Amino acid sequence: EFTEEEKTTGLWWKQLAAGGMAGAVSRTGTAPLDRMKVFMQVHSSKSNKISLVGGFKQMLKEGGVTSLWRGNGVNVLKIAPETAIKFMAYEQYKKLLSSEPGKVKTHERFMAGSLAGATAQTAIYPMEVMKTRLTLRKTGQYSGMFDCAKKILKREGVKAFYKGYIPNILGIIPYAGIDLAVYESLKNVWLSKYAKDTANPGVLVLLGCGTISSTCGQLASYPLALIRTRMQAQASMEGSEQLPMGRMVKNVLEKEGFFGLYRGILPNFMKVIPAVSISYVVYEYTRSGLGIQK
């Protein structure tokens, strides 16, 4: 969230650029773990258990070292439009929802954040579907992003670009709510215990709060993320039945039990700390390079 000074001086675009660069480097650095997460979400089951080491061996055997970065190109490309739409939508929703001009309450901020996230996801969702398809592709299946889009459009039509959209949007609400609530609670607990004279906990404390709150949010919304990924991927898998959301959930619970909804969560959690750390370092260096004062 930007201050009024940042908006009027034009510093906001530099902040966005620094954030975009941090996101791109962070996603690229943790892409192998992200691909492993998607691979396990879609292919791992009770009858076909895939371990972390076994999964990486499979991917390396099928496509070599570079295959670990499949889907990363579109994942990095979607940062700019997603961030820009989210930022602009957030500002507009805050104005619409605030009961007092210039003052935004916590619940209004949460609602604005959730709606902004949903708006951004709706706009860039076709790129999410392409990311999943490209991440799971076999060697030679697609020559690139445009070839992937063309083949999906030709074989499945426009609606294929919105497969898994409902669980995706439903997942934003618990994720955003828990993330915000845990973050604010942890920050306030730290301030009440250790900081008597300042309202600024410091960067490392905020990073720690952010990592824990993000992990809690992911834990709550992960089953919906798994259902979304399977729905996005099912048309590209040979002999796979096209299941709607309700039947997909029922199918997973019947065949794999409750923990089947958490397939791939280990690599997902493994990438949280490196992703946050890389983001922070790159963000600080980019800010410094763009001349933004601390």
C-alpha atoms as a PDB file:
ATOM      1  CA  GLU A   1       0.000   0.000   0.000  1.00  0.00           C
ATOM      2  CA  PHE A   2       1.428   3.404  -1.025  1.00  0.00           C
ATOM      3  CA  THR A   3       1.446   6.641   0.968  1.00  0.00           C
ATOM      4  CA  GLU A   4      -0.088   9.845  -0.422  1.00  0.00           C
ATOM      5  CA  GLU A   5       3.437  11.260  -0.827  1.00  0.00           C
ATOM      6  CA  GLU A   6       4.533   8.262  -2.930  1.00  0.00           C
ATOM      7  CA  LYS A   7       1.441   8.636  -5.145  1.00  0.00           C
ATOM      8  CA  THR A   8       1.902  12.400  -5.732  1.00  0.00           C
ATOM      9  CA  THR A   9       5.692  12.304  -6.272  1.00  0.00           C
ATOM     10  CA  GLY A  10       5.513   9.375  -8.705  1.00  0.00           C
ATOM     11  CA  LEU A  11       7.571   7.131  -6.416  1.00  0.00           C
ATOM     12  CA  TRP A  12       4.846   4.479  -6.628  1.00  0.00           C
ATOM     13  CA  TRP A  13       5.943   3.300 -10.100  1.00  0.00           C
ATOM     14  CA  LYS A  14       9.521   2.847  -8.831  1.00  0.00           C
ATOM     15  CA  GLN A  15       8.160   0.822  -5.909  1.00  0.00           C
ATOM     16  CA  LEU A  16       6.123  -1.282  -8.361  1.00  0.00           C
ATOM     17  CA  ALA A  17       9.195  -1.770 -10.590  1.00  0.00           C
ATOM     18  CA  ALA A  18      11.298  -2.841  -7.590  1.00  0.00           C
ATOM     19  CA  GLY A  19       8.530  -5.228  -6.496  1.00  0.00           C
ATOM     20  CA  GLY A  20       8.203  -6.637 -10.027  1.00  0.00           C
ATOM     21  CA  MET A  21      11.954  -7.262 -10.282  1.00  0.00           C
ATOM     22  CA  ALA A  22      11.990  -8.896  -6.831  1.00  0.00           C
ATOM     23  CA  GLY A  23       9.055 -11.124  -7.816  1.00  0.00           C
ATOM     24  CA  ALA A  24      10.677 -12.155 -11.122  1.00  0.00           C
ATOM     25  CA  VAL A  25      14.010 -13.135  -9.528  1.00  0.00           C
ATOM     26  CA  SER A  26      12.285 -14.821  -6.578  1.00  0.00           C
ATOM     27  CA  ARG A  27       9.974 -16.899  -8.808  1.00  0.00           C
ATOM     28  CA  THR A  28      12.871 -17.887 -11.078  1.00  0.00           C
ATOM     29  CA  GLY A  29      15.008 -18.901  -8.090  1.00  0.00           C
ATOM     30  CA  THR A  30      12.278 -21.113  -6.611  1.00  0.00           C
ATOM     31  CA  ALA A  31      10.789 -22.346  -9.942  1.00  0.00           C
ATOM     32  CA  PRO A  32      12.041 -25.975  -9.562  1.00  0.00           C
ATOM     33  CA  LEU A  33      10.176 -26.283  -6.235  1.00  0.00           C
ATOM     34  CA  ASP A  34       7.092 -24.662  -7.765  1.00  0.00           C
ATOM     35  CA  ARG A  35       7.168 -27.139 -10.663  1.00  0.00           C
ATOM     36  CA  MET A  36       7.562 -30.000  -8.192  1.00  0.00           C
ATOM     37  CA  LYS A  37       4.510 -28.739  -6.253  1.00  0.00           C
ATOM     38  CA  VAL A  38       2.344 -28.695  -9.427  1.00  0.00           C
ATOM     39  CA  PHE A  39       3.754 -32.088 -10.518  1.00  0.00           C
ATOM     40  CA  MET A  40       2.815 -33.647  -7.149  1.00  0.00           C
ATOM     41  CA  GLN A  41      -0.606 -31.929  -7.028  1.00  0.00           C
ATOM     42  CA  VAL A  42      -1.574 -33.472 -10.368  1.00  0.00           C
ATOM     43  CA  HIS A  43       0.305 -36.799 -10.601  1.00  0.00           C
ATOM     44  CA  SER A  44       0.792 -37.957  -6.997  1.00  0.00           C
ATOM     45  CA  SER A  45      -1.857 -40.235  -5.459  1.00  0.00           C
ATOM     46  CA  LYS A  46      -2.221 -43.136  -3.007  1.00  0.00           C
ATOM     47  CA  SER A  47      -1.419 -45.623  -5.758  1.00  0.00           C
ATOM     48  CA  ASN A  48       1.325 -43.447  -7.307  1.00  0.00           C
ATOM     49  CA  LYS A  49       3.230 -41.817  -4.465  1.00  0.00           C
ATOM     50  CA  ILE A  50       5.835 -39.314  -5.637  1.00  0.00           C
ATOM     51  CA  SER A  51       8.580 -38.296  -3.230  1.00  0.00           C
ATOM     52  CA  LEU A  52      10.537 -35.057  -3.542  1.00  0.00           C
ATOM     53  CA  VAL A  53      13.720 -36.837  -4.707  1.00  0.00           C
ATOM     54  CA  GLY A  54      11.785 -39.260  -6.935  1.00  0.00           C
ATOM     55  CA  GLY A  55       9.866 -36.404  -8.552  1.00  0.00           C
ATOM     56  CA  PHE A  56      13.028 -34.452  -9.365  1.00  0.00           C
ATOM     57  CA  LYS A  57      14.638 -37.619 -10.795  1.00  0.00           C
ATOM     58  CA  GLN A  58      11.584 -38.159 -13.025  1.00  0.00           C
ATOM     59  CA  MET A  59      11.658 -34.565 -14.297  1.00  0.00           C
ATOM     60  CA  LEU A  60      15.423 -34.607 -14.942  1.00  0.00           C
ATOM     61  CA  LYS A  61      15.182 -37.943 -16.787  1.00  0.00           C
ATOM     62  CA  GLU A  62      12.301 -36.713 -18.976  1.00  0.00           C
ATOM     63  CA  GLY A  63      13.592 -33.248 -19.874  1.00  0.00           C
ATOM     64  CA  GLY A  64      17.003 -32.514 -18.363  1.00  0.00           C
ATOM     65  CA  VAL A  65      17.979 -29.674 -16.011  1.00  0.00           C
ATOM     66  CA  THR A  66      16.185 -26.934 -17.993  1.00  0.00           C
ATOM     67  CA  SER A  67      12.859 -28.795 -17.587  1.00  0.00           C
ATOM     68  CA  LEU A  68      12.874 -27.729 -13.906  1.00  0.00           C
ATOM     69  CA  TRP A  69      12.048 -24.198 -15.123  1.00  0.00           C
ATOM     70  CA  ARG A  70       9.084 -25.153 -17.345  1.00  0.00           C
ATOM     71  CA  GLY A  71       6.241 -22.658 -16.956  1.00  0.00           C
ATOM     72  CA  ASN A  72       8.490 -20.052 -15.323  1.00  0.00           C
ATOM     73  CA  GLY A  73       8.425 -17.693 -18.332  1.00  0.00           C
ATOM     74  CA  VAL A  74       4.662 -17.104 -18.184  1.00  0.00           C
ATOM     75  CA  ASN A  75       4.813 -17.061 -14.358  1.00  0.00           C
ATOM     76  CA  VAL A  76       7.270 -14.126 -14.513  1.00  0.00           C
ATOM     77  CA  LEU A  77       5.403 -12.388 -17.364  1.00  0.00           C
ATOM     78  CA  LYS A  78       2.160 -12.228 -15.393  1.00  0.00           C
ATOM     79  CA  ILE A  79       3.762 -10.295 -12.494  1.00  0.00           C
ATOM     80  CA  ALA A  80       3.515  -6.867 -14.184  1.00  0.00           C
ATOM     81  CA  PRO A  81      -0.179  -6.953 -15.244  1.00  0.00           C
ATOM     82  CA  GLU A  82      -1.271  -8.726 -12.048  1.00  0.00           C
ATOM     83  CA  THR A  83       0.522  -6.239  -9.752  1.00  0.00           C
ATOM     84  CA  ALA A  84      -0.624  -3.174 -11.705  1.00  0.00           C
ATOM     85  CA  ILE A  85      -4.290  -4.296 -11.830  1.00  0.00           C
ATOM     86  CA  LYS A  86      -4.241  -5.272  -8.142  1.00  0.00           C
ATOM     87  CA  PHE A  87      -2.780  -1.893  -7.125  1.00  0.00           C
ATOM     88  CA  MET A  88      -5.210   0.183  -9.209  1.00  0.00           C
ATOM     89  CA  ALA A  89      -8.233  -1.930  -8.201  1.00  0.00           C
ATOM     90  CA  TYR A  90      -7.237  -1.775  -4.510  1.00  0.00           C
ATOM     91  CA  GLU A  91      -7.164   2.041  -4.574  1.00  0.00           C
ATOM     92  CA  GLN A  92     -10.610   2.191  -6.238  1.00  0.00           C
ATOM     93  CA  TYR A  93     -12.191  -0.391  -3.905  1.00  0.00           C
ATOM     94  CA  LYS A  94     -10.850   1.461  -0.845  1.00  0.00           C
ATOM     95  CA  LYS A  95     -12.578   4.643  -2.041  1.00  0.00           C
ATOM     96  CA  LEU A  96     -15.824   2.766  -2.708  1.00  0.00           C
ATOM     97  CA  LEU A  97     -15.883   0.863   0.586  1.00  0.00           C
ATOM     98  CA  SER A  98     -14.585   3.421   3.105  1.00  0.00           C
ATOM     99  CA  SER A  99     -17.349   4.825   5.329  1.00  0.00           C
ATOM    100  CA  GLU A 100     -15.251   7.909   6.193  1.00  0.00           C
ATOM    101  CA  PRO A 101     -13.287   9.738   3.466  1.00  0.00           C
ATOM    102  CA  GLY A 102      -9.531   9.365   3.989  1.00  0.00           C
ATOM    103  CA  LYS A 103      -9.941   6.720   6.717  1.00  0.00           C
ATOM    104  CA  VAL A 104      -9.962   3.018   5.906  1.00  0.00           C
ATOM    105  CA  LYS A 105     -10.870   0.523   8.638  1.00  0.00           C
ATOM    106  CA  THR A 106      -9.252  -2.926   8.879  1.00  0.00           C
ATOM    107  CA  HIS A 107     -12.312  -4.858   7.621  1.00  0.00           C
ATOM    108  CA  GLU A 108     -12.680  -2.381   4.698  1.00  0.00           C
ATOM    109  CA  ARG A 109      -8.987  -2.850   3.861  1.00  0.00           C
ATOM    110  CA  PHE A 110      -9.463  -6.637   3.913  1.00  0.00           C
ATOM    111  CA  MET A 111     -12.529  -6.441   1.644  1.00  0.00           C
ATOM    112  CA  ALA A 112     -10.720  -4.070  -0.739  1.00  0.00           C
ATOM    113  CA  GLY A 113      -7.686  -6.394  -0.784  1.00  0.00           C
ATOM    114  CA  SER A 114      -9.804  -9.495  -1.467  1.00  0.00           C
ATOM    115  CA  LEU A 115     -11.775  -7.766  -4.251  1.00  0.00           C
ATOM    116  CA  ALA A 116      -8.579  -6.358  -5.790  1.00  0.00           C
ATOM    117  CA  GLY A 117      -7.017  -9.835  -5.721  1.00  0.00           C
ATOM    118  CA  ALA A 118     -10.127 -11.332  -7.337  1.00  0.00           C
ATOM    119  CA  THR A 119     -10.169  -8.598 -10.027  1.00  0.00           C
ATOM    120  CA  ALA A 120      -6.488  -9.126 -10.882  1.00  0.00           C
ATOM    121  CA  GLN A 121      -6.922 -12.918 -10.960  1.00  0.00           C
ATOM    122  CA  THR A 122      -9.948 -12.644 -13.268  1.00  0.00           C
ATOM    123  CA  ALA A 123      -7.972 -10.498 -15.713  1.00  0.00           C
ATOM    124  CA  ILE A 124      -4.830 -12.639 -15.841  1.00  0.00           C
ATOM    125  CA  TYR A 125      -6.404 -16.078 -15.212  1.00  0.00           C
ATOM    126  CA  PRO A 126      -5.775 -17.402 -18.762  1.00  0.00           C
ATOM    127  CA  MET A 127      -2.054 -16.977 -18.022  1.00  0.00           C
ATOM    128  CA  GLU A 128      -2.515 -19.109 -14.869  1.00  0.00           C
ATOM    129  CA  VAL A 129      -3.998 -21.928 -16.961  1.00  0.00           C
ATOM    130  CA  MET A 130      -1.139 -21.639 -19.470  1.00  0.00           C
ATOM    131  CA  LYS A 131       1.404 -21.684 -16.637  1.00  0.00           C
ATOM    132  CA  THR A 132      -0.031 -24.992 -15.340  1.00  0.00           C
ATOM    133  CA  ARG A 133      -0.108 -26.549 -18.825  1.00  0.00           C
ATOM    134  CA  LEU A 134       3.456 -25.391 -19.618  1.00  0.00           C
ATOM    135  CA  THR A 135       4.707 -26.549 -16.201  1.00  0.00           C
ATOM    136  CA  LEU A 136       3.320 -30.057 -16.775  1.00  0.00           C
ATOM    137  CA  ARG A 137       4.180 -30.323 -20.477  1.00  0.00           C
ATOM    138  CA  LYS A 138       6.232 -33.198 -21.835  1.00  0.00           C
ATOM    139  CA  THR A 139       9.252 -32.536 -24.050  1.00  0.00           C
ATOM    140  CA  GLY A 140       8.069 -31.341 -27.483  1.00  0.00           C
ATOM    141  CA  GLN A 141       4.403 -30.924 -26.464  1.00  0.00           C
ATOM    142  CA  TYR A 142       4.459 -27.126 -26.909  1.00  0.00           C
ATOM    143  CA  SER A 143       7.113 -25.002 -28.606  1.00  0.00           C
ATOM    144  CA  GLY A 144       6.355 -22.063 -26.303  1.00  0.00           C
ATOM    145  CA  MET A 145       3.716 -19.860 -24.711  1.00  0.00           C
ATOM    146  CA  PHE A 146       1.957 -18.817 -27.943  1.00  0.00           C
ATOM    147  CA  ASP A 147       1.913 -22.376 -29.282  1.00  0.00           C
ATOM    148  CA  CYS A 148       0.360 -23.508 -25.975  1.00  0.00           C
ATOM    149  CA  ALA A 149      -2.353 -20.792 -26.186  1.00  0.00           C
ATOM    150  CA  LYS A 150      -3.081 -21.654 -29.829  1.00  0.00           C
ATOM    151  CA  LYS A 151      -3.416 -25.397 -29.135  1.00  0.00           C
ATOM    152  CA  ILE A 152      -5.666 -24.886 -26.078  1.00  0.00           C
ATOM    153  CA  LEU A 153      -7.907 -22.520 -28.074  1.00  0.00           C
ATOM    154  CA  LYS A 154      -8.112 -24.888 -31.059  1.00  0.00           C
ATOM    155  CA  ARG A 155      -8.812 -28.079 -29.070  1.00  0.00           C
ATOM    156  CA  GLU A 156     -10.853 -26.818 -26.120  1.00  0.00           C
ATOM    157  CA  GLY A 157     -12.189 -23.346 -26.960  1.00  0.00           C
ATOM    158  CA  VAL A 158     -12.098 -20.077 -25.005  1.00  0.00           C
ATOM    159  CA  LYS A 159     -13.698 -21.490 -21.814  1.00  0.00           C
ATOM    160  CA  ALA A 160     -10.632 -23.721 -21.291  1.00  0.00           C
ATOM    161  CA  PHE A 161      -8.731 -20.596 -20.244  1.00  0.00           C
ATOM    162  CA  TYR A 162     -11.022 -20.307 -17.202  1.00  0.00           C
ATOM    163  CA  LYS A 163     -10.910 -23.919 -15.980  1.00  0.00           C
ATOM    164  CA  GLY A 164     -10.539 -24.005 -12.194  1.00  0.00           C
ATOM    165  CA  TYR A 165     -11.556 -20.341 -11.923  1.00  0.00           C
ATOM    166  CA  ILE A 166     -14.177 -20.867  -9.165  1.00  0.00           C
ATOM    167  CA  PRO A 167     -11.895 -22.694  -6.661  1.00  0.00           C
ATOM    168  CA  ASN A 168      -9.214 -20.117  -7.473  1.00  0.00           C
ATOM    169  CA  ILE A 169     -11.473 -17.162  -6.581  1.00  0.00           C
ATOM    170  CA  LEU A 170     -12.859 -18.979  -3.513  1.00  0.00           C
ATOM    171  CA  GLY A 171      -9.280 -19.580  -2.355  1.00  0.00           C
ATOM    172  CA  ILE A 172      -8.439 -15.859  -2.402  1.00  0.00           C
ATOM    173  CA  ILE A 173     -10.876 -15.098   0.444  1.00  0.00           C
ATOM    174  CA  PRO A 174      -9.466 -17.438   3.166  1.00  0.00           C
ATOM    175  CA  TYR A 175      -5.900 -16.752   2.007  1.00  0.00           C
ATOM    176  CA  ALA A 176      -6.207 -12.947   2.090  1.00  0.00           C
ATOM    177  CA  GLY A 177      -8.225 -12.927   5.322  1.00  0.00           C
ATOM    178  CA  ILE A 178      -5.966 -15.261   7.298  1.00  0.00           C
ATOM    179  CA  ASP A 179      -2.780 -13.708   5.873  1.00  0.00           C
ATOM    180  CA  LEU A 180      -3.878 -10.207   6.939  1.00  0.00           C
ATOM    181  CA  ALA A 181      -5.287 -11.250  10.338  1.00  0.00           C
ATOM    182  CA  VAL A 182      -2.220 -13.328  11.338  1.00  0.00           C
ATOM    183  CA  TYR A 183       0.193 -10.651  10.078  1.00  0.00           C
ATOM    184  CA  GLU A 184      -1.515  -7.840  12.026  1.00  0.00           C
ATOM    185  CA  SER A 185      -1.821 -10.016  15.170  1.00  0.00           C
ATOM    186  CA  LEU A 186       1.849 -11.088  15.149  1.00  0.00           C
ATOM    187  CA  LYS A 187       3.018  -7.528  14.488  1.00  0.00           C
ATOM    188  CA  ASN A 188       0.879  -6.153  17.338  1.00  0.00           C
ATOM    189  CA  VAL A 189       2.046  -8.879  19.762  1.00  0.00           C
ATOM    190  CA  TRP A 190       5.686  -8.057  18.960  1.00  0.00           C
ATOM    191  CA  LEU A 191       5.085  -4.311  19.359  1.00  0.00           C
ATOM    192  CA  SER A 192       3.320  -4.738  22.709  1.00  0.00           C
ATOM    193  CA  LYS A 193       6.126  -6.955  24.079  1.00  0.00           C
ATOM    194  CA  TYR A 194       9.323  -5.473  22.686  1.00  0.00           C
ATOM    195  CA  ALA A 195       8.769  -2.005  21.216  1.00  0.00           C
ATOM    196  CA  LYS A 196       7.670   0.602  23.710  1.00  0.00           C
ATOM    197  CA  ASP A 197       8.738   3.786  21.894  1.00  0.00           C
ATOM    198  CA  THR A 198       8.234   2.953  18.215  1.00  0.00           C
ATOM    199  CA  ALA A 199       5.462   1.794  15.903  1.00  0.00           C
ATOM    200  CA  ASN A 200       8.018   0.395  13.420  1.00  0.00           C
ATOM    201  CA  PRO A 201       9.014  -3.212  14.259  1.00  0.00           C
ATOM    202  CA  GLY A 202      11.880  -3.283  11.726  1.00  0.00           C
ATOM    203  CA  VAL A 203      12.349  -5.177   8.471  1.00  0.00           C
ATOM    204  CA  LEU A 204      13.357  -8.597   9.859  1.00  0.00           C
ATOM    205  CA  VAL A 205      10.376  -8.734  12.227  1.00  0.00           C
ATOM    206  CA  LEU A 206       8.009  -7.750   9.397  1.00  0.00           C
ATOM    207  CA  LEU A 207       9.596 -10.404   7.137  1.00  0.00           C
ATOM    208  CA  GLY A 208       9.110 -13.019   9.858  1.00  0.00           C
ATOM    209  CA  CYS A 209       5.481 -11.974  10.398  1.00  0.00           C
ATOM    210  CA  GLY A 210       4.906 -12.014   6.625  1.00  0.00           C
ATOM    211  CA  THR A 211       6.413 -15.494   6.220  1.00  0.00           C
ATOM    212  CA  ILE A 212       4.305 -16.991   9.044  1.00  0.00           C
ATOM    213  CA  SER A 213       1.077 -15.246   7.949  1.00  0.00           C
ATOM    214  CA  SER A 214       1.586 -16.290   4.307  1.00  0.00           C
ATOM    215  CA  THR A 215       2.204 -19.908   5.398  1.00  0.00           C
ATOM    216  CA  CYS A 216      -1.008 -19.914   7.494  1.00  0.00           C
ATOM    217  CA  GLY A 217      -2.972 -18.440   4.579  1.00  0.00           C
ATOM    218  CA  GLN A 218      -1.602 -21.078   2.196  1.00  0.00           C
ATOM    219  CA  LEU A 219      -2.429 -23.873   4.640  1.00  0.00           C
ATOM    220  CA  ALA A 220      -6.089 -22.766   4.711  1.00  0.00           C
ATOM    221  CA  SER A 221      -6.486 -22.236   0.961  1.00  0.00           C
ATOM    222  CA  TYR A 222      -4.275 -25.107  -0.278  1.00  0.00           C
ATOM    223  CA  PRO A 223      -7.073 -27.661  -0.930  1.00  0.00           C
ATOM    224  CA  LEU A 224      -8.769 -25.150  -3.266  1.00  0.00           C
ATOM    225  CA  ALA A 225      -5.427 -24.492  -4.991  1.00  0.00           C
ATOM    226  CA  LEU A 226      -4.984 -28.239  -5.564  1.00  0.00           C
ATOM    227  CA  ILE A 227      -8.502 -28.584  -7.029  1.00  0.00           C
ATOM    228  CA  ARG A 228      -7.863 -25.537  -9.262  1.00  0.00           C
ATOM    229  CA  THR A 229      -4.588 -27.017 -10.572  1.00  0.00           C
ATOM    230  CA  ARG A 230      -6.156 -30.414 -11.299  1.00  0.00           C
ATOM    231  CA  MET A 231      -9.048 -28.762 -13.145  1.00  0.00           C
ATOM    232  CA  GLN A 232      -6.597 -26.664 -15.189  1.00  0.00           C
ATOM    233  CA  ALA A 233      -4.544 -29.738 -16.063  1.00  0.00           C
ATOM    234  CA  GLN A 234      -7.169 -32.447 -16.642  1.00  0.00           C
ATOM    235  CA  ALA A 235      -7.817 -31.764 -20.361  1.00  0.00           C
ATOM    236  CA  SER A 236      -4.107 -32.135 -21.174  1.00  0.00           C
ATOM    237  CA  MET A 237      -3.894 -35.559 -19.489  1.00  0.00           C
ATOM    238  CA  GLU A 238      -4.692 -38.568 -21.658  1.00  0.00           C
ATOM    239  CA  GLY A 239      -7.746 -40.540 -20.560  1.00  0.00           C
ATOM    240  CA  SER A 240      -8.585 -38.002 -17.860  1.00  0.00           C
ATOM    241  CA  GLU A 241     -12.264 -37.421 -17.074  1.00  0.00           C
ATOM    242  CA  GLN A 242     -13.389 -33.750 -17.132  1.00  0.00           C
ATOM    243  CA  LEU A 243     -14.748 -33.301 -13.607  1.00  0.00           C
ATOM    244  CA  PRO A 244     -16.491 -30.191 -12.222  1.00  0.00           C
ATOM    245  CA  MET A 245     -15.317 -28.761  -8.889  1.00  0.00           C
ATOM    246  CA  GLY A 246     -17.747 -30.650  -6.583  1.00  0.00           C
ATOM    247  CA  ARG A 247     -17.064 -34.047  -8.140  1.00  0.00           C
ATOM    248  CA  MET A 248     -13.320 -33.370  -8.166  1.00  0.00           C
ATOM    249  CA  VAL A 249     -13.332 -32.719  -4.378  1.00  0.00           C
ATOM    250  CA  LYS A 250     -15.477 -35.842  -3.779  1.00  0.00           C
ATOM    251  CA  ASN A 251     -13.172 -37.891  -6.012  1.00  0.00           C
ATOM    252  CA  VAL A 252     -10.019 -36.797  -4.138  1.00  0.00           C
ATOM    253  CA  LEU A 253     -11.606 -37.455  -0.708  1.00  0.00           C
ATOM    254  CA  GLU A 254     -12.906 -40.912  -1.731  1.00  0.00           C
ATOM    255  CA  LYS A 255      -9.689 -42.102  -3.388  1.00  0.00           C
ATOM    256  CA  GLU A 256      -7.003 -40.347  -1.346  1.00  0.00           C
ATOM    257  CA  GLY A 257      -8.647 -39.185   1.890  1.00  0.00           C
ATOM    258  CA  PHE A 258      -8.446 -35.729   3.476  1.00  0.00           C
ATOM    259  CA  PHE A 259      -4.656 -35.494   3.136  1.00  0.00           C
ATOM    260  CA  GLY A 260      -5.028 -36.013  -0.607  1.00  0.00           C
ATOM    261  CA  LEU A 261      -6.079 -32.345  -0.699  1.00  0.00           C
ATOM    262  CA  TYR A 262      -2.587 -31.432   0.558  1.00  0.00           C
ATOM    263  CA  ARG A 263      -0.483 -33.221  -2.081  1.00  0.00           C
ATOM    264  CA  GLY A 264       2.596 -31.161  -2.955  1.00  0.00           C
ATOM    265  CA  ILE A 265       2.470 -29.012   0.171  1.00  0.00           C
ATOM    266  CA  LEU A 266       6.060 -29.917   1.189  1.00  0.00           C
ATOM    267  CA  PRO A 267       7.779 -28.260  -1.830  1.00  0.00           C
ATOM    268  CA  ASN A 268       5.259 -25.421  -1.495  1.00  0.00           C
ATOM    269  CA  PHE A 269       6.399 -24.708   2.077  1.00  0.00           C
ATOM    270  CA  MET A 270      10.055 -25.308   1.202  1.00  0.00           C
ATOM    271  CA  LYS A 271       9.972 -22.393  -1.222  1.00  0.00           C
ATOM    272  CA  VAL A 272       8.410 -19.863   1.212  1.00  0.00           C
ATOM    273  CA  ILE A 273      11.594 -18.827   3.086  1.00  0.00           C
ATOM    274  CA  PRO A 274      13.939 -18.703   0.029  1.00  0.00           C
ATOM    275  CA  ALA A 275      11.250 -16.841  -1.965  1.00  0.00           C
ATOM    276  CA  VAL A 276      10.778 -14.221   0.780  1.00  0.00           C
ATOM    277  CA  SER A 277      14.560 -13.870   1.306  1.00  0.00           C
ATOM    278  CA  ILE A 278      15.352 -13.490  -2.414  1.00  0.00           C
ATOM    279  CA  SER A 279      12.469 -11.020  -2.813  1.00  0.00           C
ATOM    280  CA  TYR A 280      13.726  -8.887   0.063  1.00  0.00           C
ATOM    281  CA  VAL A 281      17.379  -8.733  -1.123  1.00  0.00           C
ATOM    282  CA  VAL A 282      16.476  -7.988  -4.767  1.00  0.00           C
ATOM    283  CA  TYR A 283      13.823  -5.450  -3.725  1.00  0.00           C
ATOM    284  CA  GLU A 284      16.311  -3.537  -1.550  1.00  0.00           C
ATOM    285  CA  TYR A 285      19.008  -3.509  -4.270  1.00  0.00           C
ATOM    286  CA  THR A 286      16.496  -2.407  -6.941  1.00  0.00           C
ATOM    287  CA  ARG A 287      15.119   0.344  -4.686  1.00  0.00           C
ATOM    288  CA  SER A 288      18.653   1.571  -4.117  1.00  0.00           C
ATOM    289  CA  GLY A 289      19.406   1.448  -7.864  1.00  0.00           C
ATOM    290  CA  LEU A 290      16.258   3.471  -8.638  1.00  0.00           C
ATOM    291  CA  GLY A 291      17.230   6.097  -6.072  1.00  0.00           C
ATOM    292  CA  ILE A 292      14.454   5.404  -3.547  1.00  0.00           C
ATOM    293  CA  GLN A 293      15.466   6.561  -0.093  1.00  0.00           C
ATOM    294  CA  LYS A 294      14.761   4.274   2.855  1.00  0.00           C
END
